[in-house]
Amino acid sequence: MNKTELLDRCARSGEERTLLARVLDKLELAQNRGVPAHTPFLTPGEQAAAADLLTAWGYPRYAAFGGYEGAERNILYFPPDWQEPEDALSDPEGPLAALEGTFPNGAALTHRDILGSLMGLGITREKLGDILILEGKCQVVALREALPILLSQWESAGRWKVSVGEIPLSALTPRPPTVKTVRDTVAALRLDAVLAAGFSTSRSKAADFISAGRVSINHRECMKGDRTVNEGDVLTCRGLGKCVVKEVLGASRKGRIMLVLERYV
């Protein structure tokens, strides 16, 4: 299968085709020229699409990395034959950098405030990874190429001054997510039924969300309400959030399937 055929098979839209073509360009750069290459930061959905593409390509060597374990936004790093991905990603001068911004006492800044101020510097979203909001400060993961601009020009967010400095990736301190455990039963492991249970809504509303294209399984859009859901699947719905199917416990006395889900709040 050549590159065009592979893109025809994997891309679901013109925008996604452009993204996947860029991923293949980076892979070919590493394989054919023997130099390290990486993508910009990708969303979870973009990472899932790229993973499907690379699986169809034939499982090339690569690593998804966002600065810390469990990062949402990641780059895909393609090492040449002479390099292991872990070596490059642990290099202090590797492709990713982190910085910390400290606010004055009493400042109440949101993720949106921070992102808006960074993009106001002319930095595109694909050069910025996760933004971690902490008490009185924030931490930002970015492509190393964007670091000079961030350190020299990022002075404020909203109406608050920001004191900025580089930190090692090892100093990133993501907060554990807040989750709510949901225990429920469903007649069948259908997407519409499990989605309704996970977000405490009616099955009819869940079906409407699915048909509107708002629902994804493992970050891949799914518009089939009867799609089977499995233990470990991640369900996301725009406007509602994310939940994970932690356990499928088997049948209850009434013949319904017992579930344990975790909803991110």
Protein backbone atom coordinates (compact mmCIF):
# COMPACT_ATOMS: atom_id res chain seq x y z
CA MET A 1 0.00 0.00 0.00
CA ASN A 2 1.52 3.32 -1.06
CA LYS A 3 1.17 6.61 0.79
CA THR A 4 -1.83 7.84 -1.22
CA GLU A 5 -3.71 4.58 -0.75
CA LEU A 6 -2.96 4.62 2.96
CA LEU A 7 -4.30 8.15 3.36
CA ASP A 8 -7.38 7.25 1.31
CA ARG A 9 -8.04 4.37 3.68
CA CYS A 10 -7.39 6.13 7.01
CA ALA A 11 -8.42 9.77 6.56
CA ARG A 12 -12.06 10.59 7.28
CA SER A 13 -11.92 14.21 6.10
CA GLY A 14 -9.73 16.59 4.17
CA GLU A 15 -8.48 18.14 7.39
CA GLU A 16 -7.56 14.75 8.84
CA ARG A 17 -5.85 13.77 5.58
CA THR A 18 -3.61 16.83 5.88
CA LEU A 19 -2.76 15.93 9.47
CA LEU A 20 -1.97 12.30 8.62
CA ALA A 21 0.14 13.32 5.63
CA ARG A 22 2.24 15.46 7.98
CA VAL A 23 2.65 12.50 10.34
CA LEU A 24 3.87 10.32 7.46
CA ASP A 25 6.28 13.05 6.36
CA LYS A 26 7.87 13.02 9.83
CA LEU A 27 8.06 9.22 9.83
CA GLU A 28 9.71 9.17 6.41
CA LEU A 29 12.20 11.84 7.48
CA ALA A 30 13.37 9.65 10.34
CA GLN A 31 13.41 6.46 8.30
CA ASN A 32 14.93 7.75 5.06
CA ARG A 33 17.32 10.43 6.27
CA GLY A 34 18.24 9.02 9.66
CA VAL A 35 17.40 12.16 11.63
CA PRO A 36 15.03 12.53 14.60
CA ALA A 37 11.61 13.94 13.72
CA HIS A 38 8.43 14.73 15.58
CA THR A 39 4.95 16.10 15.03
CA PRO A 40 3.54 19.17 16.76
CA PHE A 41 1.25 18.57 19.72
CA LEU A 42 -1.79 16.48 18.86
CA THR A 43 -5.16 16.25 20.56
CA PRO A 44 -6.33 12.83 21.83
CA GLY A 45 -8.51 12.45 18.74
CA GLU A 46 -5.63 13.31 16.43
CA GLN A 47 -3.38 10.87 18.29
CA ALA A 48 -5.96 8.11 17.82
CA ALA A 49 -6.19 8.81 14.08
CA ALA A 50 -2.40 8.84 13.78
CA ALA A 51 -2.12 5.58 15.75
CA ASP A 52 -4.55 3.90 13.34
CA LEU A 53 -2.51 5.18 10.40
CA LEU A 54 0.80 3.98 11.84
CA THR A 55 -0.68 0.57 12.63
CA ALA A 56 -1.79 0.28 9.00
CA TRP A 57 1.71 1.38 7.93
CA GLY A 58 3.27 -1.50 9.83
CA TYR A 59 4.02 -0.56 13.45
CA PRO A 60 7.01 1.79 13.05
CA ARG A 61 9.05 2.83 16.08
CA TYR A 62 7.66 5.95 17.72
CA ALA A 63 6.69 7.37 21.09
CA ALA A 64 3.83 9.62 22.18
CA PHE A 65 5.04 12.10 24.76
CA GLY A 66 3.62 15.23 26.35
CA GLY A 67 6.17 16.03 29.04
CA TYR A 68 4.77 13.76 31.77
CA GLU A 69 2.95 10.47 32.08
CA GLY A 70 -0.74 10.82 31.36
CA ALA A 71 -0.48 14.06 29.36
CA GLU A 72 -3.49 14.78 27.16
CA ARG A 73 -1.70 16.60 24.36
CA ASN A 74 1.32 14.72 23.00
CA ILE A 75 3.85 14.87 20.21
CA LEU A 76 4.68 11.74 18.21
CA TYR A 77 8.44 11.28 18.18
CA PHE A 78 10.07 9.22 15.43
CA PRO A 79 13.65 8.20 16.23
CA PRO A 80 16.20 7.19 13.59
CA ASP A 81 17.55 3.63 13.68
CA TRP A 82 20.49 4.63 15.90
CA GLN A 83 18.36 6.15 18.66
CA GLU A 84 15.89 4.92 21.23
CA PRO A 85 12.86 7.22 21.80
CA GLU A 86 13.43 7.22 25.56
CA ASP A 87 16.93 8.64 25.11
CA ALA A 88 15.72 11.66 23.18
CA LEU A 89 12.72 12.33 25.40
CA SER A 90 14.86 12.29 28.55
CA ASP A 91 17.41 14.67 26.99
CA PRO A 92 17.35 18.12 28.71
CA GLU A 93 17.69 19.64 25.25
CA GLY A 94 15.05 17.38 23.70
CA PRO A 95 12.04 18.51 21.65
CA LEU A 96 9.91 19.53 24.65
CA ALA A 97 10.40 22.22 27.26
CA ALA A 98 8.42 23.40 30.27
CA LEU A 99 8.01 26.75 31.94
CA GLU A 100 6.32 27.96 35.08
CA GLY A 101 4.43 31.19 35.48
CA THR A 102 3.88 32.67 38.95
CA PHE A 103 1.01 35.08 39.63
CA PRO A 104 0.54 37.77 42.30
CA ASN A 105 -1.34 36.83 45.46
CA GLY A 106 -5.07 36.79 44.87
CA ALA A 107 -4.88 36.19 41.12
CA ALA A 108 -7.53 33.77 39.89
CA LEU A 109 -6.59 32.68 36.39
CA THR A 110 -8.22 29.91 34.39
CA HIS A 111 -6.90 27.60 31.70
CA ARG A 112 -8.65 29.82 29.15
CA ASP A 113 -6.91 32.93 30.49
CA ILE A 114 -3.48 31.32 30.21
CA LEU A 115 -4.07 29.85 26.76
CA GLY A 116 -5.42 33.14 25.44
CA SER A 117 -2.41 35.07 26.69
CA LEU A 118 0.02 32.58 25.14
CA MET A 119 -1.69 32.54 21.76
CA GLY A 120 -1.78 36.35 21.93
CA LEU A 121 2.00 36.17 21.54
CA GLY A 122 1.50 34.64 18.08
CA ILE A 123 2.19 31.07 19.19
CA THR A 124 -0.12 28.53 17.57
CA ARG A 125 -1.95 25.92 19.63
CA GLU A 126 -0.01 23.05 18.06
CA LYS A 127 3.18 24.36 19.70
CA LEU A 128 1.63 24.22 23.17
CA GLY A 129 1.00 21.10 25.18
CA ASP A 130 -0.89 20.75 28.44
CA ILE A 131 -1.41 23.72 30.73
CA LEU A 132 -1.42 22.80 34.41
CA ILE A 133 -3.18 25.23 36.76
CA LEU A 134 -1.78 25.14 40.30
CA GLU A 135 -2.13 27.31 43.40
CA GLY A 136 -0.75 30.74 42.49
CA LYS A 137 1.01 29.51 39.37
CA CYS A 138 0.74 27.51 36.19
CA GLN A 139 3.02 25.16 34.26
CA VAL A 140 3.08 24.97 30.47
CA VAL A 141 4.57 22.32 28.20
CA ALA A 142 5.72 23.64 24.82
CA LEU A 143 7.86 22.76 21.85
CA ARG A 144 11.40 23.85 22.63
CA GLU A 145 11.41 26.07 19.54
CA ALA A 146 8.72 28.23 21.18
CA LEU A 147 10.60 28.62 24.46
CA PRO A 148 12.59 31.81 23.59
CA ILE A 149 9.40 33.70 22.72
CA LEU A 150 7.63 32.49 25.85
CA LEU A 151 10.48 33.44 28.15
CA SER A 152 11.09 36.86 26.62
CA GLN A 153 7.55 38.02 25.78
CA TRP A 154 5.05 36.36 28.13
CA GLU A 155 4.49 39.03 30.76
CA SER A 156 0.82 38.89 31.68
CA ALA A 157 -2.41 36.89 31.59
CA GLY A 158 -5.69 38.71 31.87
CA ARG A 159 -4.99 41.75 34.04
CA TRP A 160 -2.30 39.97 36.07
CA LYS A 161 1.45 40.08 35.69
CA VAL A 162 3.24 36.76 35.28
CA SER A 163 6.78 35.94 36.38
CA VAL A 164 8.11 33.25 34.04
CA GLY A 165 11.01 30.81 34.16
CA GLU A 166 12.01 27.50 32.57
CA ILE A 167 11.70 24.33 34.64
CA PRO A 168 12.77 20.74 33.89
CA LEU A 169 10.08 18.39 32.67
CA SER A 170 10.62 16.37 35.84
CA ALA A 171 9.32 19.34 37.86
CA LEU A 172 5.87 19.23 36.23
CA THR A 173 3.24 18.52 38.88
CA PRO A 174 -0.07 17.53 37.31
CA ARG A 175 -2.97 17.19 39.70
CA PRO A 176 -4.74 13.83 39.73
CA PRO A 177 -8.11 14.08 38.00
CA THR A 178 -11.27 14.32 40.06
CA VAL A 179 -13.59 11.43 39.28
CA LYS A 180 -16.98 10.24 40.44
CA THR A 181 -17.64 6.50 40.62
CA VAL A 182 -20.91 5.49 39.00
CA ARG A 183 -22.45 2.06 39.55
CA ASP A 184 -25.34 1.14 37.30
CA THR A 185 -26.85 -1.64 35.24
CA VAL A 186 -27.69 -1.78 31.54
CA ALA A 187 -29.69 -4.21 29.47
CA ALA A 188 -26.83 -4.53 26.96
CA LEU A 189 -23.34 -3.10 26.45
CA ARG A 190 -24.57 -0.72 23.76
CA LEU A 191 -23.00 2.70 23.46
CA ASP A 192 -26.28 4.56 24.00
CA ALA A 193 -27.06 2.60 27.17
CA VAL A 194 -23.57 2.87 28.69
CA LEU A 195 -23.31 6.56 27.79
CA ALA A 196 -26.64 7.22 29.51
CA ALA A 197 -25.43 5.41 32.62
CA GLY A 198 -22.06 7.15 32.69
CA PHE A 199 -23.51 10.66 32.42
CA SER A 200 -26.73 10.05 34.36
CA THR A 201 -28.97 10.97 31.46
CA SER A 202 -31.75 9.25 29.57
CA ARG A 203 -31.04 6.75 26.83
CA SER A 204 -32.96 8.88 24.32
CA LYS A 205 -30.79 11.90 25.06
CA ALA A 206 -27.68 9.74 24.81
CA ALA A 207 -28.88 8.54 21.40
CA ASP A 208 -29.37 12.15 20.30
CA PHE A 209 -25.80 13.02 21.35
CA ILE A 210 -24.49 10.05 19.36
CA SER A 211 -26.45 10.85 16.20
CA ALA A 212 -25.27 14.48 16.43
CA GLY A 213 -21.64 13.32 16.23
CA ARG A 214 -20.78 14.48 19.75
CA VAL A 215 -19.66 11.10 21.10
CA SER A 216 -16.35 9.25 20.78
CA ILE A 217 -15.08 5.87 21.94
CA ASN A 218 -11.37 5.92 22.75
CA HIS A 219 -11.22 9.35 21.07
CA ARG A 220 -12.66 8.04 17.79
CA GLU A 221 -16.00 9.49 16.78
CA CYS A 222 -18.82 6.94 16.80
CA MET A 223 -22.33 7.57 15.50
CA LYS A 224 -23.67 4.05 16.07
CA GLY A 225 -25.76 3.76 19.19
CA ASP A 226 -25.63 -0.04 19.08
CA ARG A 227 -21.82 -0.17 19.04
CA THR A 228 -20.58 -2.59 21.71
CA VAL A 229 -18.67 -0.98 24.58
CA ASN A 230 -15.94 -2.91 26.38
CA GLU A 231 -14.22 -2.71 29.75
CA GLY A 232 -11.51 -0.05 29.65
CA ASP A 233 -13.16 2.03 26.92
CA VAL A 234 -13.05 5.81 27.27
CA LEU A 235 -16.29 7.57 26.32
CA THR A 236 -16.30 11.29 25.61
CA CYS A 237 -19.22 13.53 24.79
CA ARG A 238 -18.83 17.17 23.85
CA GLY A 239 -20.65 19.22 26.43
CA LEU A 240 -20.75 16.44 29.03
CA GLY A 241 -17.12 15.37 29.46
CA LYS A 242 -15.43 11.99 29.79
CA CYS A 243 -16.09 8.71 31.53
CA VAL A 244 -14.24 5.39 31.63
CA VAL A 245 -15.74 1.90 31.79
CA LYS A 246 -13.71 0.57 34.72
CA GLU A 247 -15.41 -2.79 35.26
CA VAL A 248 -18.02 -5.00 33.65
CA LEU A 249 -19.14 -7.14 36.58
CA GLY A 250 -21.45 -9.59 34.85
CA ALA A 251 -25.19 -10.17 35.10
CA SER A 252 -27.41 -9.19 38.01
CA ARG A 253 -30.20 -11.40 39.33
CA LYS A 254 -32.55 -9.65 36.93
CA GLY A 255 -30.29 -10.40 33.99
CA ARG A 256 -28.93 -6.86 33.57
CA ILE A 257 -25.23 -6.14 33.15
CA MET A 258 -23.60 -4.46 36.14
CA LEU A 259 -21.09 -1.69 35.44
CA VAL A 260 -18.62 0.44 37.34
CA LEU A 261 -17.76 3.69 35.55
CA GLU A 262 -15.64 6.70 36.46
CA ARG A 263 -16.87 10.09 35.32
CA TYR A 264 -14.38 12.95 35.23
CA VAL A 265 -15.78 16.02 37.01
